[in-house]
PDB file of all heavy atoms in Angstrom:
ATOM      1  N   ILE A   1     -11.886   1.551 -13.774  1.00  0.00           N
ATOM      2  CA  ILE A   1     -10.533   1.072 -13.504  1.00  0.00           C
ATOM      3  C   ILE A   1     -10.498  -0.435 -13.734  1.00  0.00           C
ATOM      4  O   ILE A   1     -11.505  -1.121 -13.560  1.00  0.00           O
ATOM      5  CB  ILE A   1     -10.106   1.445 -12.062  1.00  0.00           C
ATOM      6  CG1 ILE A   1      -8.624   1.173 -11.822  1.00  0.00           C
ATOM      7  CG2 ILE A   1     -10.991   0.765 -11.038  1.00  0.00           C
ATOM      8  CD1 ILE A   1      -8.101   1.784 -10.518  1.00  0.00           C
ATOM      9  N   SER A   2      -9.350  -0.936 -14.122  1.00  0.00           N
ATOM     10  CA  SER A   2      -9.218  -2.385 -14.312  1.00  0.00           C
ATOM     11  C   SER A   2      -9.009  -3.069 -12.963  1.00  0.00           C
ATOM     12  O   SER A   2      -8.611  -2.435 -11.979  1.00  0.00           O
ATOM     13  CB  SER A   2      -8.040  -2.699 -15.231  1.00  0.00           C
ATOM     14  OG  SER A   2      -6.812  -2.396 -14.582  1.00  0.00           O
ATOM     15  N   ILE A   3      -9.264  -4.353 -12.917  1.00  0.00           N
ATOM     16  CA  ILE A   3      -9.058  -5.117 -11.688  1.00  0.00           C
ATOM     17  C   ILE A   3      -7.600  -5.022 -11.255  1.00  0.00           C
ATOM     18  O   ILE A   3      -7.314  -4.748 -10.084  1.00  0.00           O
ATOM     19  CB  ILE A   3      -9.463  -6.592 -11.880  1.00  0.00           C
ATOM     20  CG1 ILE A   3     -10.959  -6.702 -12.134  1.00  0.00           C
ATOM     21  CG2 ILE A   3      -9.060  -7.438 -10.664  1.00  0.00           C
ATOM     22  CD1 ILE A   3     -11.416  -8.074 -12.586  1.00  0.00           C
ATOM     23  N   SER A   4      -6.685  -5.215 -12.175  1.00  0.00           N
ATOM     24  CA  SER A   4      -5.269  -5.194 -11.799  1.00  0.00           C
ATOM     25  C   SER A   4      -4.835  -3.821 -11.293  1.00  0.00           C
ATOM     26  O   SER A   4      -4.067  -3.731 -10.334  1.00  0.00           O
ATOM     27  CB  SER A   4      -4.389  -5.646 -12.973  1.00  0.00           C
ATOM     28  OG  SER A   4      -4.557  -4.788 -14.080  1.00  0.00           O
ATOM     29  N   ASP A   5      -5.335  -2.750 -11.902  1.00  0.00           N
ATOM     30  CA  ASP A   5      -4.985  -1.409 -11.422  1.00  0.00           C
ATOM     31  C   ASP A   5      -5.596  -1.136 -10.052  1.00  0.00           C
ATOM     32  O   ASP A   5      -4.963  -0.505  -9.197  1.00  0.00           O
ATOM     33  CB  ASP A   5      -5.420  -0.337 -12.415  1.00  0.00           C
ATOM     34  CG  ASP A   5      -4.534  -0.278 -13.643  1.00  0.00           C
ATOM     35  OD1 ASP A   5      -3.409  -0.826 -13.603  1.00  0.00           O
ATOM     36  OD2 ASP A   5      -4.969   0.311 -14.655  1.00  0.00           O
ATOM     37  N   LEU A   6      -6.813  -1.600  -9.832  1.00  0.00           N
ATOM     38  CA  LEU A   6      -7.461  -1.420  -8.538  1.00  0.00           C
ATOM     39  C   LEU A   6      -6.647  -2.107  -7.441  1.00  0.00           C
ATOM     40  O   LEU A   6      -6.322  -1.497  -6.414  1.00  0.00           O
ATOM     41  CB  LEU A   6      -8.882  -1.981  -8.569  1.00  0.00           C
ATOM     42  CG  LEU A   6      -9.650  -1.884  -7.253  1.00  0.00           C
ATOM     43  CD1 LEU A   6     -10.186  -0.473  -7.056  1.00  0.00           C
ATOM     44  CD2 LEU A   6     -10.787  -2.875  -7.241  1.00  0.00           C
ATOM     45  N   ILE A   7      -6.292  -3.354  -7.658  1.00  0.00           N
ATOM     46  CA  ILE A   7      -5.522  -4.106  -6.659  1.00  0.00           C
ATOM     47  C   ILE A   7      -4.155  -3.469  -6.455  1.00  0.00           C
ATOM     48  O   ILE A   7      -3.683  -3.334  -5.323  1.00  0.00           O
ATOM     49  CB  ILE A   7      -5.390  -5.589  -7.070  1.00  0.00           C
ATOM     50  CG1 ILE A   7      -6.754  -6.270  -7.034  1.00  0.00           C
ATOM     51  CG2 ILE A   7      -4.400  -6.319  -6.179  1.00  0.00           C
ATOM     52  CD1 ILE A   7      -7.367  -6.383  -5.653  1.00  0.00           C
ATOM     53  N   LYS A   8      -3.508  -3.067  -7.529  1.00  0.00           N
ATOM     54  CA  LYS A   8      -2.193  -2.427  -7.420  1.00  0.00           C
ATOM     55  C   LYS A   8      -2.282  -1.174  -6.545  1.00  0.00           C
ATOM     56  O   LYS A   8      -1.442  -0.963  -5.667  1.00  0.00           O
ATOM     57  CB  LYS A   8      -1.676  -2.064  -8.811  1.00  0.00           C
ATOM     58  CG  LYS A   8      -0.323  -1.393  -8.799  1.00  0.00           C
ATOM     59  CD  LYS A   8       0.126  -1.062 -10.210  1.00  0.00           C
ATOM     60  CE  LYS A   8       1.453  -0.331 -10.185  1.00  0.00           C
ATOM     61  NZ  LYS A   8       1.911   0.011 -11.521  1.00  0.00           N
ATOM     62  N   GLN A   9      -3.298  -0.374  -6.757  1.00  0.00           N
ATOM     63  CA  GLN A   9      -3.478   0.854  -5.971  1.00  0.00           C
ATOM     64  C   GLN A   9      -3.761   0.539  -4.503  1.00  0.00           C
ATOM     65  O   GLN A   9      -3.205   1.173  -3.611  1.00  0.00           O
ATOM     66  CB  GLN A   9      -4.625   1.687  -6.542  1.00  0.00           C
ATOM     67  CG  GLN A   9      -4.306   2.377  -7.842  1.00  0.00           C
ATOM     68  CD  GLN A   9      -3.252   3.443  -7.654  1.00  0.00           C
ATOM     69  OE1 GLN A   9      -2.178   3.349  -8.218  1.00  0.00           O
ATOM     70  NE2 GLN A   9      -3.538   4.439  -6.849  1.00  0.00           N
ATOM     71  N   ILE A  10      -4.645  -0.411  -4.258  1.00  0.00           N
ATOM     72  CA  ILE A  10      -5.000  -0.764  -2.878  1.00  0.00           C
ATOM     73  C   ILE A  10      -3.789  -1.317  -2.140  1.00  0.00           C
ATOM     74  O   ILE A  10      -3.489  -0.903  -1.014  1.00  0.00           O
ATOM     75  CB  ILE A  10      -6.159  -1.784  -2.861  1.00  0.00           C
ATOM     76  CG1 ILE A  10      -7.447  -1.147  -3.372  1.00  0.00           C
ATOM     77  CG2 ILE A  10      -6.354  -2.359  -1.450  1.00  0.00           C
ATOM     78  CD1 ILE A  10      -8.561  -2.148  -3.633  1.00  0.00           C
ATOM     79  N   LYS A  11      -3.096  -2.253  -2.754  1.00  0.00           N
ATOM     80  CA  LYS A  11      -1.945  -2.858  -2.098  1.00  0.00           C
ATOM     81  C   LYS A  11      -0.822  -1.843  -1.909  1.00  0.00           C
ATOM     82  O   LYS A  11      -0.206  -1.778  -0.841  1.00  0.00           O
ATOM     83  CB  LYS A  11      -1.464  -4.072  -2.898  1.00  0.00           C
ATOM     84  CG  LYS A  11      -2.435  -5.238  -2.801  1.00  0.00           C
ATOM     85  CD  LYS A  11      -2.210  -6.316  -3.832  1.00  0.00           C
ATOM     86  CE  LYS A  11      -0.882  -6.975  -3.763  1.00  0.00           C
ATOM     87  NZ  LYS A  11      -0.737  -8.066  -4.736  1.00  0.00           N
ATOM     88  N   GLY A  12      -0.580  -1.043  -2.933  1.00  0.00           N
ATOM     89  CA  GLY A  12       0.496  -0.054  -2.848  1.00  0.00           C
ATOM     90  C   GLY A  12       0.251   0.999  -1.791  1.00  0.00           C
ATOM     91  O   GLY A  12       1.127   1.311  -0.983  1.00  0.00           O
ATOM     92  N   SER A  13      -0.957   1.545  -1.764  1.00  0.00           N
ATOM     93  CA  SER A  13      -1.248   2.603  -0.788  1.00  0.00           C
ATOM     94  C   SER A  13      -1.273   2.062   0.639  1.00  0.00           C
ATOM     95  O   SER A  13      -0.805   2.717   1.568  1.00  0.00           O
ATOM     96  CB  SER A  13      -2.564   3.304  -1.124  1.00  0.00           C
ATOM     97  OG  SER A  13      -3.648   2.429  -0.986  1.00  0.00           O
ATOM     98  N   SER A  14      -1.808   0.856   0.834  1.00  0.00           N
ATOM     99  CA  SER A  14      -1.876   0.309   2.191  1.00  0.00           C
ATOM    100  C   SER A  14      -0.483  -0.063   2.707  1.00  0.00           C
ATOM    101  O   SER A  14      -0.163   0.216   3.869  1.00  0.00           O
ATOM    102  CB  SER A  14      -2.828  -0.886   2.263  1.00  0.00           C
ATOM    103  OG  SER A  14      -2.432  -1.923   1.390  1.00  0.00           O
ATOM    104  N   SER A  15       0.361  -0.650   1.873  1.00  0.00           N
ATOM    105  CA  SER A  15       1.712  -0.989   2.346  1.00  0.00           C
ATOM    106  C   SER A  15       2.526   0.287   2.588  1.00  0.00           C
ATOM    107  O   SER A  15       3.286   0.362   3.554  1.00  0.00           O
ATOM    108  CB  SER A  15       2.432  -1.930   1.377  1.00  0.00           C
ATOM    109  OG  SER A  15       2.633  -1.334   0.130  1.00  0.00           O
ATOM    110  N   HIS A  16       2.343   1.306   1.753  1.00  0.00           N
ATOM    111  CA  HIS A  16       3.030   2.588   1.967  1.00  0.00           C
ATOM    112  C   HIS A  16       2.602   3.202   3.296  1.00  0.00           C
ATOM    113  O   HIS A  16       3.433   3.672   4.088  1.00  0.00           O
ATOM    114  CB  HIS A  16       2.735   3.543   0.812  1.00  0.00           C
ATOM    115  CG  HIS A  16       3.461   4.834   0.918  1.00  0.00           C
ATOM    116  ND1 HIS A  16       2.944   5.919   1.593  1.00  0.00           N
ATOM    117  CD2 HIS A  16       4.684   5.208   0.469  1.00  0.00           C
ATOM    118  CE1 HIS A  16       3.816   6.916   1.551  1.00  0.00           C
ATOM    119  NE2 HIS A  16       4.869   6.511   0.877  1.00  0.00           N
ATOM    120  N   PHE A  17       1.307   3.197   3.570  1.00  0.00           N
ATOM    121  CA  PHE A  17       0.774   3.739   4.813  1.00  0.00           C
ATOM    122  C   PHE A  17       1.372   3.024   6.024  1.00  0.00           C
ATOM    123  O   PHE A  17       1.816   3.652   6.989  1.00  0.00           O
ATOM    124  CB  PHE A  17      -0.753   3.612   4.801  1.00  0.00           C
ATOM    125  CG  PHE A  17      -1.419   3.990   6.092  1.00  0.00           C
ATOM    126  CD1 PHE A  17      -1.457   5.315   6.503  1.00  0.00           C
ATOM    127  CD2 PHE A  17      -2.016   3.023   6.878  1.00  0.00           C
ATOM    128  CE1 PHE A  17      -2.079   5.668   7.697  1.00  0.00           C
ATOM    129  CE2 PHE A  17      -2.652   3.369   8.061  1.00  0.00           C
ATOM    130  CZ  PHE A  17      -2.674   4.694   8.480  1.00  0.00           C
ATOM    131  N   ILE A  18       1.398   1.713   5.979  1.00  0.00           N
ATOM    132  CA  ILE A  18       1.916   0.944   7.111  1.00  0.00           C
ATOM    133  C   ILE A  18       3.410   1.190   7.296  1.00  0.00           C
ATOM    134  O   ILE A  18       3.879   1.448   8.412  1.00  0.00           O
ATOM    135  CB  ILE A  18       1.618  -0.558   6.937  1.00  0.00           C
ATOM    136  CG1 ILE A  18       0.105  -0.771   6.984  1.00  0.00           C
ATOM    137  CG2 ILE A  18       2.318  -1.390   7.999  1.00  0.00           C
ATOM    138  CD1 ILE A  18      -0.369  -2.027   6.330  1.00  0.00           C
ATOM    139  N   ASN A  19       4.167   1.142   6.201  1.00  0.00           N
ATOM    140  CA  ASN A  19       5.616   1.306   6.295  1.00  0.00           C
ATOM    141  C   ASN A  19       6.065   2.721   6.641  1.00  0.00           C
ATOM    142  O   ASN A  19       7.157   2.908   7.172  1.00  0.00           O
ATOM    143  CB  ASN A  19       6.288   0.859   4.992  1.00  0.00           C
ATOM    144  CG  ASN A  19       6.342  -0.642   4.878  1.00  0.00           C
ATOM    145  OD1 ASN A  19       6.634  -1.336   5.835  1.00  0.00           O
ATOM    146  ND2 ASN A  19       6.047  -1.141   3.699  1.00  0.00           N
ATOM    147  N   HIS A  20       5.250   3.717   6.320  1.00  0.00           N
ATOM    148  CA  HIS A  20       5.669   5.096   6.550  1.00  0.00           C
ATOM    149  C   HIS A  20       4.957   5.788   7.707  1.00  0.00           C
ATOM    150  O   HIS A  20       5.478   6.758   8.254  1.00  0.00           O
ATOM    151  CB  HIS A  20       5.502   5.914   5.269  1.00  0.00           C
ATOM    152  CG  HIS A  20       6.461   5.496   4.206  1.00  0.00           C
ATOM    153  ND1 HIS A  20       6.177   4.491   3.316  1.00  0.00           N
ATOM    154  CD2 HIS A  20       7.707   5.922   3.926  1.00  0.00           C
ATOM    155  CE1 HIS A  20       7.215   4.322   2.504  1.00  0.00           C
ATOM    156  NE2 HIS A  20       8.155   5.170   2.859  1.00  0.00           N
ATOM    157  N   GLU A  21       3.783   5.312   8.083  1.00  0.00           N
ATOM    158  CA  GLU A  21       3.040   5.999   9.142  1.00  0.00           C
ATOM    159  C   GLU A  21       2.769   5.127  10.362  1.00  0.00           C
ATOM    160  O   GLU A  21       2.749   5.627  11.473  1.00  0.00           O
ATOM    161  CB  GLU A  21       1.727   6.554   8.588  1.00  0.00           C
ATOM    162  CG  GLU A  21       1.966   7.643   7.546  1.00  0.00           C
ATOM    163  CD  GLU A  21       0.690   8.308   7.102  1.00  0.00           C
ATOM    164  OE1 GLU A  21      -0.175   8.566   7.962  1.00  0.00           O
ATOM    165  OE2 GLU A  21       0.570   8.560   5.889  1.00  0.00           O
ATOM    166  N   ILE A  22       2.549   3.848  10.161  1.00  0.00           N
ATOM    167  CA  ILE A  22       2.207   2.977  11.285  1.00  0.00           C
ATOM    168  C   ILE A  22       3.439   2.325  11.901  1.00  0.00           C
ATOM    169  O   ILE A  22       3.606   2.328  13.110  1.00  0.00           O
ATOM    170  CB  ILE A  22       1.206   1.876  10.842  1.00  0.00           C
ATOM    171  CG1 ILE A  22      -0.047   2.502  10.241  1.00  0.00           C
ATOM    172  CG2 ILE A  22       0.854   0.960  12.008  1.00  0.00           C
ATOM    173  CD1 ILE A  22      -0.740   3.522  11.130  1.00  0.00           C
ATOM    174  N   LYS A  23       4.291   1.781  11.055  1.00  0.00           N
ATOM    175  CA  LYS A  23       5.503   1.109  11.538  1.00  0.00           C
ATOM    176  C   LYS A  23       6.709   1.552  10.716  1.00  0.00           C
ATOM    177  O   LYS A  23       7.283   0.751   9.964  1.00  0.00           O
ATOM    178  CB  LYS A  23       5.342  -0.409  11.451  1.00  0.00           C
ATOM    179  CG  LYS A  23       4.352  -0.987  12.441  1.00  0.00           C
ATOM    180  CD  LYS A  23       4.449  -2.502  12.473  1.00  0.00           C
ATOM    181  CE  LYS A  23       3.638  -3.032  13.631  1.00  0.00           C
ATOM    182  NZ  LYS A  23       3.846  -4.445  13.858  1.00  0.00           N
ATOM    183  N   PRO A  24       7.083   2.834  10.836  1.00  0.00           N
ATOM    184  CA  PRO A  24       8.244   3.303  10.072  1.00  0.00           C
ATOM    185  C   PRO A  24       9.477   2.464  10.422  1.00  0.00           C
ATOM    186  O   PRO A  24       9.712   2.156  11.576  1.00  0.00           O
ATOM    187  CB  PRO A  24       8.427   4.746  10.526  1.00  0.00           C
ATOM    188  CG  PRO A  24       7.135   5.134  11.147  1.00  0.00           C
ATOM    189  CD  PRO A  24       6.521   3.874  11.682  1.00  0.00           C
ATOM    190  N   GLY A  25      10.198   2.095   9.406  1.00  0.00           N
ATOM    191  CA  GLY A  25      11.386   1.277   9.619  1.00  0.00           C
ATOM    192  C   GLY A  25      11.083  -0.201   9.752  1.00  0.00           C
ATOM    193  O   GLY A  25      11.987  -1.016   9.819  1.00  0.00           O
ATOM    194  N   GLY A  26       9.809  -0.565   9.780  1.00  0.00           N
ATOM    195  CA  GLY A  26       9.427  -1.969   9.868  1.00  0.00           C
ATOM    196  C   GLY A  26       9.381  -2.586   8.479  1.00  0.00           C
ATOM    197  O   GLY A  26       9.794  -1.978   7.490  1.00  0.00           O
ATOM    198  N   PHE A  27       8.885  -3.796   8.414  1.00  0.00           N
ATOM    199  CA  PHE A  27       8.764  -4.482   7.130  1.00  0.00           C
ATOM    200  C   PHE A  27       7.317  -4.914   6.943  1.00  0.00           C
ATOM    201  O   PHE A  27       6.790  -5.706   7.720  1.00  0.00           O
ATOM    202  CB  PHE A  27       9.668  -5.721   7.081  1.00  0.00           C
ATOM    203  CG  PHE A  27       9.486  -6.527   5.824  1.00  0.00           C
ATOM    204  CD1 PHE A  27      10.112  -6.156   4.647  1.00  0.00           C
ATOM    205  CD2 PHE A  27       8.664  -7.650   5.802  1.00  0.00           C
ATOM    206  CE1 PHE A  27       9.931  -6.888   3.475  1.00  0.00           C
ATOM    207  CE2 PHE A  27       8.480  -8.388   4.646  1.00  0.00           C
ATOM    208  CZ  PHE A  27       9.117  -8.003   3.486  1.00  0.00           C
TER     209      PHE A  27
END
């Protein structure tokens, strides 16, 4: 995987997890 794709995946999945499972409705 490329560096940019790796970071995109890590950032995307972690922010999705936080916004949808940890703090739904938060920012």
